[in-house]
């Protein structure tokens, strides 16, 4: 059975509106013409995400999100998305956004990565931001 799960690792964090978020994420996956298999979000600290960034990606930098694509079939969304709540809080302040808006942007950003969108080049970043904005406007809550 396809599912989205939210976990925390080493930090106290309670996600608000998890059922609505799951429905919104599923709708985005379907809109991108993918099928959900299993998607796990893990909310963690800067230190925890930095450790993963070094270990798996060889990047010694803080980041707000790391996405691991675990799908073995074309067209399926299956993965793990690690999100630093510390980074999301700081970025919300930095970009003058609410914590929830910034968190939701990061949640959908990970899904877009699993759907094949990249953000290394300026034109890719622009397309990614446009898609994030599109889905954020369609949250309905």
Protein backbone atom coordinates (compact mmCIF):
# COMPACT_ATOMS: atom_id res chain seq x y z
CA UNK A 1 0.00 0.00 0.00
CA UNK A 2 1.48 3.39 -1.02
CA UNK A 3 2.33 5.58 1.94
CA UNK A 4 3.93 8.75 3.22
CA UNK A 5 5.44 8.68 6.70
CA UNK A 6 6.89 11.42 8.86
CA UNK A 7 9.61 10.66 11.42
CA UNK A 8 11.81 12.67 13.74
CA UNK A 9 15.40 11.88 14.59
CA UNK A 10 17.10 13.24 17.71
CA UNK A 11 14.98 16.40 17.85
CA UNK A 12 11.64 17.34 19.39
CA UNK A 13 9.38 18.25 16.47
CA UNK A 14 5.67 17.80 15.87
CA UNK A 15 4.41 18.25 12.31
CA UNK A 16 1.15 20.16 12.03
CA UNK A 17 -1.59 19.12 9.60
CA UNK A 18 0.10 15.86 8.61
CA UNK A 19 -3.01 14.39 6.95
CA UNK A 20 -3.53 17.49 4.81
CA UNK A 21 0.17 17.53 3.94
CA UNK A 22 0.05 13.89 2.87
CA UNK A 23 -2.94 14.58 0.60
CA UNK A 24 -1.19 17.64 -0.87
CA UNK A 25 2.04 15.71 -1.50
CA UNK A 26 0.14 12.80 -3.10
CA UNK A 27 -1.73 15.23 -5.37
CA UNK A 28 1.58 16.80 -6.46
CA UNK A 29 3.05 13.37 -7.21
CA UNK A 30 0.02 12.52 -9.35
CA UNK A 31 0.16 15.91 -11.11
CA UNK A 32 3.79 15.16 -12.02
CA UNK A 33 2.52 11.87 -13.52
CA UNK A 34 4.24 9.64 -10.99
CA UNK A 35 2.88 6.89 -8.76
CA UNK A 36 3.57 6.94 -5.04
CA UNK A 37 5.12 3.82 -3.59
CA UNK A 38 6.73 4.78 -0.26
CA UNK A 39 8.01 8.13 0.88
CA UNK A 40 9.62 8.74 4.25
CA UNK A 41 10.37 12.19 5.60
CA UNK A 42 12.83 12.41 8.48
CA UNK A 43 13.00 15.68 10.41
CA UNK A 44 16.38 16.13 12.05
CA UNK A 45 19.00 18.63 13.23
CA UNK A 46 21.70 20.49 11.31
CA UNK A 47 24.34 18.20 12.83
CA UNK A 48 22.55 15.05 11.73
CA UNK A 49 22.01 16.29 8.20
CA UNK A 50 25.57 17.58 7.93
CA UNK A 51 26.81 14.11 8.90
CA UNK A 52 24.74 12.57 6.08
CA UNK A 53 25.85 15.26 3.64
CA UNK A 54 29.48 14.41 4.33
CA UNK A 55 28.99 10.64 4.42
CA UNK A 56 26.80 10.18 1.34
CA UNK A 57 27.39 13.23 -0.83
CA UNK A 58 30.91 14.27 0.17
CA UNK A 59 29.66 17.83 0.85
CA UNK A 60 30.89 19.48 4.04
CA UNK A 61 28.14 22.11 4.11
CA UNK A 62 24.92 22.72 5.97
CA UNK A 63 21.79 22.13 3.93
CA UNK A 64 18.06 22.10 4.54
CA UNK A 65 17.30 18.88 2.67
CA UNK A 66 18.85 15.71 1.31
CA UNK A 67 16.78 13.45 -0.91
CA UNK A 68 17.54 9.79 -1.51
CA UNK A 69 15.80 8.23 -4.50
CA UNK A 70 15.15 4.56 -3.72
CA UNK A 71 12.90 3.80 -6.68
CA UNK A 72 13.82 0.89 -8.87
CA UNK A 73 11.12 1.46 -11.46
CA UNK A 74 10.51 4.37 -13.83
CA UNK A 75 7.51 6.45 -12.83
CA UNK A 76 7.50 5.45 -9.15
CA UNK A 77 8.18 7.75 -6.21
CA UNK A 78 10.04 5.88 -3.51
CA UNK A 79 12.55 7.59 -1.30
CA UNK A 80 13.75 9.13 1.91
CA UNK A 81 13.85 12.87 2.44
CA UNK A 82 15.87 14.25 5.36
CA UNK A 83 15.03 17.79 6.45
CA UNK A 84 16.97 19.93 8.92
CA UNK A 85 14.43 21.76 11.06
CA UNK A 86 17.26 24.07 12.20
CA UNK A 87 17.92 25.14 8.57
CA UNK A 88 14.22 25.52 7.78
CA UNK A 89 13.81 27.84 10.81
CA UNK A 90 16.83 29.93 9.82
CA UNK A 91 15.80 30.09 6.17
CA UNK A 92 12.28 31.16 7.10
CA UNK A 93 13.77 34.15 8.92
CA UNK A 94 16.34 34.81 6.18
CA UNK A 95 13.68 34.84 3.42
CA UNK A 96 10.95 36.52 5.53
CA UNK A 97 8.63 33.51 5.30
CA UNK A 98 6.61 31.72 7.94
CA UNK A 99 8.14 28.53 9.29
CA UNK A 100 5.22 26.52 7.82
CA UNK A 101 5.62 28.05 4.34
CA UNK A 102 9.35 27.34 4.32
CA UNK A 103 8.82 23.80 5.62
CA UNK A 104 6.17 23.12 2.97
CA UNK A 105 8.50 24.48 0.26
CA UNK A 106 11.19 22.03 1.39
CA UNK A 107 8.70 19.13 1.60
CA UNK A 108 7.65 19.65 -2.02
CA UNK A 109 11.24 20.37 -3.11
CA UNK A 110 12.21 16.83 -2.13
CA UNK A 111 9.29 15.37 -4.10
CA UNK A 112 10.30 17.41 -7.15
CA UNK A 113 13.82 15.98 -6.90
CA UNK A 114 12.33 12.47 -6.87
CA UNK A 115 10.27 13.44 -9.94
CA UNK A 116 13.48 14.29 -11.78
CA UNK A 117 13.86 18.03 -11.28
CA UNK A 118 17.36 19.30 -10.59
CA UNK A 119 18.65 22.58 -9.17
CA UNK A 120 22.39 22.75 -9.81
CA UNK A 121 22.30 25.25 -12.70
CA UNK A 122 20.58 28.66 -12.62
CA UNK A 123 17.91 27.65 -15.16
CA UNK A 124 17.21 24.45 -13.20
CA UNK A 125 16.91 26.45 -9.98
CA UNK A 126 14.45 28.81 -11.64
CA UNK A 127 12.32 25.93 -12.89
CA UNK A 128 12.43 24.25 -9.47
CA UNK A 129 11.35 27.49 -7.74
CA UNK A 130 8.51 27.93 -10.24
CA UNK A 131 7.27 24.38 -9.53
CA UNK A 132 7.57 24.90 -5.75
CA UNK A 133 5.53 28.11 -6.01
CA UNK A 134 2.95 26.34 -8.18
CA UNK A 135 2.37 23.61 -5.60
CA UNK A 136 2.51 25.96 -2.62
CA UNK A 137 -0.35 27.98 -4.14
CA UNK A 138 -2.39 24.77 -4.42
CA UNK A 139 -2.11 23.59 -0.84
CA UNK A 140 -5.71 24.48 -0.07
CA UNK A 141 -5.07 24.92 3.66
